[in-house]
Amino acid sequence: MVYCANCGQKLEENFYFCPKCGVKTKVGAAAGVSEPWEDMKRAFATAAEQMNKAFTKATEEMRKAFEEARREFQRHTTSGRKVLCSSCGAANPPDSKFCSKCGKSLS
């Protein structure tokens, strides 16, 4: 006769888990049966690893995109391009806030 080591429930010889309290029996341990939470723990660990890899890759891609955008912005703002006034069409230096010909705001 076999009994649960945790709650004393009478068990059949081939039970891997106690039907009353859920504890793994000696037969279950000998068979290498995993607890349900162990499978869940492994699944979460795998998901966490995959998410970490994805976030690491996304972070690197974003860093590269921001660096490229910064270089492109600098190239456009320091290339000597003139800002055209929408009011009179005059060409103004790139850092101008107001038109040098008519005085209107360039923003």
N, C-alpha and C. Protein backbone atom coordinates (compact mmCIF):
# COMPACT_ATOMS: atom_id res chain seq x y z
N MET A 1 0.84 -1.17 0.00
CA MET A 1 0.00 0.00 0.00
C MET A 1 0.90 1.25 0.00
N VAL A 2 0.55 2.21 -0.86
CA VAL A 2 1.32 3.44 -0.99
C VAL A 2 0.47 4.61 -0.49
N TYR A 3 1.14 5.52 0.22
CA TYR A 3 0.45 6.71 0.74
C TYR A 3 1.25 7.95 0.36
N CYS A 4 0.54 9.05 0.20
CA CYS A 4 1.19 10.33 -0.12
C CYS A 4 2.05 10.77 1.06
N ALA A 5 3.29 11.15 0.78
CA ALA A 5 4.20 11.62 1.82
C ALA A 5 3.79 12.97 2.38
N ASN A 6 2.96 13.70 1.64
CA ASN A 6 2.57 15.04 2.07
C ASN A 6 1.27 15.03 2.88
N CYS A 7 0.22 14.36 2.34
CA CYS A 7 -1.09 14.45 2.99
C CYS A 7 -1.61 13.12 3.52
N GLY A 8 -0.92 12.01 3.20
CA GLY A 8 -1.34 10.71 3.71
C GLY A 8 -2.42 10.03 2.89
N GLN A 9 -2.82 10.60 1.78
CA GLN A 9 -3.83 10.02 0.91
C GLN A 9 -3.37 8.66 0.40
N LYS A 10 -4.28 7.69 0.39
CA LYS A 10 -3.98 6.37 -0.14
C LYS A 10 -3.85 6.49 -1.67
N LEU A 11 -2.77 5.93 -2.23
CA LEU A 11 -2.48 6.06 -3.66
C LEU A 11 -2.37 4.69 -4.32
N GLU A 12 -2.65 4.67 -5.59
CA GLU A 12 -2.38 3.47 -6.37
C GLU A 12 -0.89 3.46 -6.70
N GLU A 13 -0.35 2.29 -6.95
CA GLU A 13 1.10 2.12 -7.17
C GLU A 13 1.64 2.93 -8.36
N ASN A 14 0.81 3.14 -9.39
CA ASN A 14 1.30 3.79 -10.61
C ASN A 14 1.02 5.30 -10.67
N PHE A 15 0.55 5.90 -9.58
CA PHE A 15 0.28 7.35 -9.57
C PHE A 15 1.59 8.14 -9.57
N TYR A 16 1.67 9.13 -10.44
CA TYR A 16 2.83 10.03 -10.46
C TYR A 16 2.62 11.22 -9.52
N PHE A 17 1.36 11.58 -9.32
CA PHE A 17 1.01 12.71 -8.45
C PHE A 17 -0.13 12.29 -7.55
N CYS A 18 -0.18 12.87 -6.37
CA CYS A 18 -1.27 12.63 -5.44
C CYS A 18 -2.51 13.36 -5.97
N PRO A 19 -3.63 12.68 -6.12
CA PRO A 19 -4.84 13.35 -6.61
C PRO A 19 -5.46 14.31 -5.59
N LYS A 20 -5.06 14.20 -4.34
CA LYS A 20 -5.62 15.08 -3.31
C LYS A 20 -4.84 16.38 -3.17
N CYS A 21 -3.49 16.29 -3.09
CA CYS A 21 -2.70 17.51 -2.84
C CYS A 21 -1.77 17.89 -4.00
N GLY A 22 -1.61 17.01 -4.99
CA GLY A 22 -0.81 17.34 -6.16
C GLY A 22 0.68 17.12 -6.04
N VAL A 23 1.18 16.60 -4.95
CA VAL A 23 2.61 16.37 -4.76
C VAL A 23 3.05 15.19 -5.62
N LYS A 24 4.24 15.30 -6.19
CA LYS A 24 4.80 14.22 -6.99
C LYS A 24 5.14 13.04 -6.07
N THR A 25 4.79 11.83 -6.52
CA THR A 25 5.07 10.63 -5.73
C THR A 25 6.47 10.13 -6.03
N LYS A 26 6.91 9.13 -5.27
CA LYS A 26 8.22 8.51 -5.53
C LYS A 26 8.24 7.90 -6.92
N VAL A 27 7.15 7.32 -7.34
CA VAL A 27 7.05 6.72 -8.69
C VAL A 27 7.20 7.82 -9.74
N GLY A 28 6.55 8.94 -9.53
CA GLY A 28 6.66 10.07 -10.46
C GLY A 28 8.07 10.61 -10.52
N ALA A 29 8.73 10.69 -9.37
CA ALA A 29 10.11 11.18 -9.32
C ALA A 29 11.04 10.20 -10.03
N ALA A 30 10.83 8.91 -9.81
CA ALA A 30 11.66 7.89 -10.45
C ALA A 30 11.46 7.89 -11.97
N ALA A 31 10.25 8.21 -12.41
CA ALA A 31 9.95 8.25 -13.85
C ALA A 31 10.44 9.54 -14.50
N GLY A 32 10.88 10.49 -13.69
CA GLY A 32 11.39 11.76 -14.23
C GLY A 32 10.30 12.70 -14.70
N VAL A 33 9.09 12.50 -14.18
CA VAL A 33 7.97 13.35 -14.56
C VAL A 33 8.17 14.74 -13.97
N SER A 34 7.97 15.76 -14.80
CA SER A 34 8.16 17.12 -14.30
C SER A 34 6.85 17.66 -13.74
N GLU A 35 6.99 18.57 -12.80
CA GLU A 35 5.83 19.25 -12.24
C GLU A 35 5.27 20.16 -13.31
N PRO A 36 3.96 20.39 -13.34
CA PRO A 36 3.37 21.30 -14.34
C PRO A 36 3.99 22.69 -14.32
N TRP A 37 4.31 23.20 -13.14
CA TRP A 37 4.90 24.53 -13.04
C TRP A 37 6.30 24.56 -13.63
N GLU A 38 7.02 23.42 -13.64
CA GLU A 38 8.37 23.39 -14.23
C GLU A 38 8.30 23.61 -15.74
N ASP A 39 7.31 22.98 -16.38
CA ASP A 39 7.11 23.20 -17.82
C ASP A 39 6.78 24.66 -18.10
N MET A 40 5.94 25.23 -17.26
CA MET A 40 5.55 26.63 -17.43
C MET A 40 6.76 27.55 -17.22
N LYS A 41 7.57 27.21 -16.23
CA LYS A 41 8.76 28.01 -15.93
C LYS A 41 9.72 27.98 -17.13
N ARG A 42 9.90 26.80 -17.73
CA ARG A 42 10.76 26.69 -18.91
C ARG A 42 10.20 27.49 -20.08
N ALA A 43 8.89 27.43 -20.26
CA ALA A 43 8.26 28.17 -21.35
C ALA A 43 8.45 29.67 -21.17
N PHE A 44 8.28 30.16 -19.94
CA PHE A 44 8.49 31.59 -19.68
C PHE A 44 9.95 31.98 -19.86
N ALA A 45 10.86 31.12 -19.46
CA ALA A 45 12.29 31.41 -19.62
C ALA A 45 12.64 31.49 -21.10
N THR A 46 12.11 30.59 -21.89
CA THR A 46 12.35 30.61 -23.34
C THR A 46 11.77 31.87 -23.96
N ALA A 47 10.56 32.22 -23.58
CA ALA A 47 9.92 33.43 -24.09
C ALA A 47 10.73 34.67 -23.70
N ALA A 48 11.23 34.70 -22.48
CA ALA A 48 12.03 35.84 -22.03
C ALA A 48 13.32 35.97 -22.83
N GLU A 49 13.96 34.84 -23.12
CA GLU A 49 15.18 34.87 -23.93
C GLU A 49 14.89 35.40 -25.33
N GLN A 50 13.80 34.94 -25.93
CA GLN A 50 13.43 35.40 -27.27
C GLN A 50 13.10 36.88 -27.28
N MET A 51 12.39 37.34 -26.26
CA MET A 51 12.05 38.76 -26.17
C MET A 51 13.30 39.60 -25.97
N ASN A 52 14.23 39.12 -25.15
CA ASN A 52 15.47 39.84 -24.92
C ASN A 52 16.25 39.98 -26.22
N LYS A 53 16.34 38.90 -27.00
CA LYS A 53 17.03 38.96 -28.29
C LYS A 53 16.35 39.95 -29.22
N ALA A 54 15.02 39.91 -29.26
CA ALA A 54 14.28 40.81 -30.14
C ALA A 54 14.47 42.27 -29.73
N PHE A 55 14.41 42.55 -28.42
CA PHE A 55 14.59 43.92 -27.95
C PHE A 55 16.02 44.41 -28.19
N THR A 56 16.99 43.52 -28.03
CA THR A 56 18.38 43.88 -28.28
C THR A 56 18.57 44.25 -29.75
N LYS A 57 17.99 43.44 -30.64
CA LYS A 57 18.09 43.71 -32.07
C LYS A 57 17.37 45.02 -32.42
N ALA A 58 16.18 45.22 -31.87
CA ALA A 58 15.42 46.44 -32.14
C ALA A 58 16.17 47.67 -31.63
N THR A 59 16.80 47.55 -30.47
CA THR A 59 17.56 48.66 -29.91
C THR A 59 18.71 49.04 -30.83
N GLU A 60 19.42 48.06 -31.34
CA GLU A 60 20.54 48.31 -32.24
C GLU A 60 20.05 48.94 -33.55
N GLU A 61 18.95 48.44 -34.08
CA GLU A 61 18.40 49.01 -35.31
C GLU A 61 17.96 50.45 -35.10
N MET A 62 17.35 50.73 -33.94
CA MET A 62 16.93 52.11 -33.65
C MET A 62 18.14 53.02 -33.49
N ARG A 63 19.18 52.52 -32.83
CA ARG A 63 20.39 53.32 -32.66
C ARG A 63 20.97 53.68 -34.02
N LYS A 64 21.04 52.71 -34.91
CA LYS A 64 21.56 52.96 -36.25
C LYS A 64 20.69 53.97 -37.01
N ALA A 65 19.38 53.83 -36.90
CA ALA A 65 18.46 54.73 -37.59
C ALA A 65 18.59 56.16 -37.06
N PHE A 66 18.69 56.31 -35.73
CA PHE A 66 18.86 57.65 -35.16
C PHE A 66 20.20 58.26 -35.56
N GLU A 67 21.24 57.44 -35.60
CA GLU A 67 22.56 57.94 -36.02
C GLU A 67 22.51 58.41 -37.47
N GLU A 68 21.88 57.63 -38.33
CA GLU A 68 21.75 58.01 -39.74
C GLU A 68 20.91 59.29 -39.87
N ALA A 69 19.83 59.39 -39.11
CA ALA A 69 18.99 60.58 -39.14
C ALA A 69 19.78 61.80 -38.66
N ARG A 70 20.60 61.61 -37.63
CA ARG A 70 21.42 62.73 -37.13
C ARG A 70 22.40 63.19 -38.18
N ARG A 71 23.06 62.23 -38.84
CA ARG A 71 24.02 62.59 -39.90
C ARG A 71 23.31 63.30 -41.06
N GLU A 72 22.15 62.80 -41.43
CA GLU A 72 21.38 63.41 -42.52
C GLU A 72 20.95 64.82 -42.14
N PHE A 73 20.50 65.00 -40.91
CA PHE A 73 20.09 66.32 -40.45
C PHE A 73 21.28 67.29 -40.47
N GLN A 74 22.41 66.83 -39.96
CA GLN A 74 23.60 67.69 -39.96
C GLN A 74 24.01 68.04 -41.39
N ARG A 75 23.92 67.06 -42.29
CA ARG A 75 24.31 67.31 -43.68
C ARG A 75 23.41 68.38 -44.28
N HIS A 76 22.12 68.33 -43.98
CA HIS A 76 21.19 69.31 -44.55
C HIS A 76 21.34 70.68 -43.90
N THR A 77 21.62 70.72 -42.61
CA THR A 77 21.67 72.03 -41.93
C THR A 77 23.03 72.71 -42.08
N THR A 78 24.05 71.94 -42.40
CA THR A 78 25.37 72.56 -42.53
C THR A 78 25.86 72.60 -43.97
N SER A 79 25.01 72.23 -44.91
CA SER A 79 25.44 72.17 -46.31
C SER A 79 25.37 73.53 -47.00
N GLY A 80 24.93 74.56 -46.29
CA GLY A 80 24.85 75.89 -46.90
C GLY A 80 23.56 76.09 -47.68
N ARG A 81 22.62 75.16 -47.52
CA ARG A 81 21.35 75.33 -48.21
C ARG A 81 20.66 76.58 -47.71
N LYS A 82 20.08 77.28 -48.61
CA LYS A 82 19.36 78.50 -48.26
C LYS A 82 17.91 78.16 -47.93
N VAL A 83 17.34 78.93 -47.01
CA VAL A 83 15.94 78.80 -46.66
C VAL A 83 15.19 79.85 -47.46
N LEU A 84 14.21 79.36 -48.24
CA LEU A 84 13.44 80.30 -49.07
C LEU A 84 12.27 80.86 -48.28
N CYS A 85 12.07 82.13 -48.41
CA CYS A 85 10.95 82.81 -47.76
C CYS A 85 9.68 82.48 -48.54
N SER A 86 8.64 82.03 -47.83
CA SER A 86 7.38 81.70 -48.50
C SER A 86 6.61 82.95 -48.92
N SER A 87 7.00 84.08 -48.37
CA SER A 87 6.31 85.32 -48.68
C SER A 87 6.89 86.01 -49.91
N CYS A 88 8.22 86.19 -49.92
CA CYS A 88 8.83 86.94 -51.02
C CYS A 88 9.76 86.09 -51.89
N GLY A 89 10.09 84.86 -51.45
CA GLY A 89 10.94 83.97 -52.25
C GLY A 89 12.43 84.21 -52.09
N ALA A 90 12.82 85.11 -51.18
CA ALA A 90 14.24 85.40 -51.00
C ALA A 90 14.97 84.22 -50.35
N ALA A 91 16.22 84.01 -50.76
CA ALA A 91 17.06 82.97 -50.18
C ALA A 91 17.73 83.53 -48.93
N ASN A 92 17.63 82.75 -47.82
CA ASN A 92 18.17 83.17 -46.54
C ASN A 92 19.14 82.11 -46.01
N PRO A 93 20.10 82.48 -45.16
CA PRO A 93 21.01 81.49 -44.57
C PRO A 93 20.22 80.41 -43.81
N PRO A 94 20.77 79.18 -43.72
CA PRO A 94 20.03 78.06 -43.12
C PRO A 94 19.57 78.28 -41.69
N ASP A 95 20.26 79.08 -40.90
CA ASP A 95 19.87 79.28 -39.50
C ASP A 95 18.97 80.49 -39.29
N SER A 96 18.48 81.08 -40.37
CA SER A 96 17.63 82.28 -40.28
C SER A 96 16.26 81.95 -39.72
N LYS A 97 15.74 82.86 -38.90
CA LYS A 97 14.39 82.72 -38.36
C LYS A 97 13.44 83.70 -39.05
N PHE A 98 14.04 84.78 -39.59
CA PHE A 98 13.25 85.79 -40.29
C PHE A 98 13.91 86.10 -41.62
N CYS A 99 13.09 86.46 -42.60
CA CYS A 99 13.59 86.76 -43.94
C CYS A 99 14.43 88.03 -43.91
N SER A 100 15.59 87.96 -44.57
CA SER A 100 16.48 89.13 -44.60
C SER A 100 16.00 90.20 -45.58
N LYS A 101 15.03 89.87 -46.46
CA LYS A 101 14.53 90.84 -47.41
C LYS A 101 13.22 91.50 -46.95
N CYS A 102 12.24 90.66 -46.49
CA CYS A 102 10.94 91.22 -46.11
C CYS A 102 10.68 91.19 -44.61
N GLY A 103 11.49 90.48 -43.82
CA GLY A 103 11.34 90.45 -42.37
C GLY A 103 10.29 89.50 -41.84
N LYS A 104 9.63 88.76 -42.71
CA LYS A 104 8.58 87.80 -42.27
C LYS A 104 9.25 86.57 -41.62
N SER A 105 8.49 85.91 -40.75
CA SER A 105 8.99 84.70 -40.07
C SER A 105 9.16 83.58 -41.09
N LEU A 106 10.25 82.84 -40.94
CA LEU A 106 10.52 81.72 -41.86
C LEU A 106 10.01 80.39 -41.31
N SER A 107 9.36 80.39 -40.13
CA SER A 107 8.88 79.12 -39.58
C SER A 107 7.49 78.79 -40.02
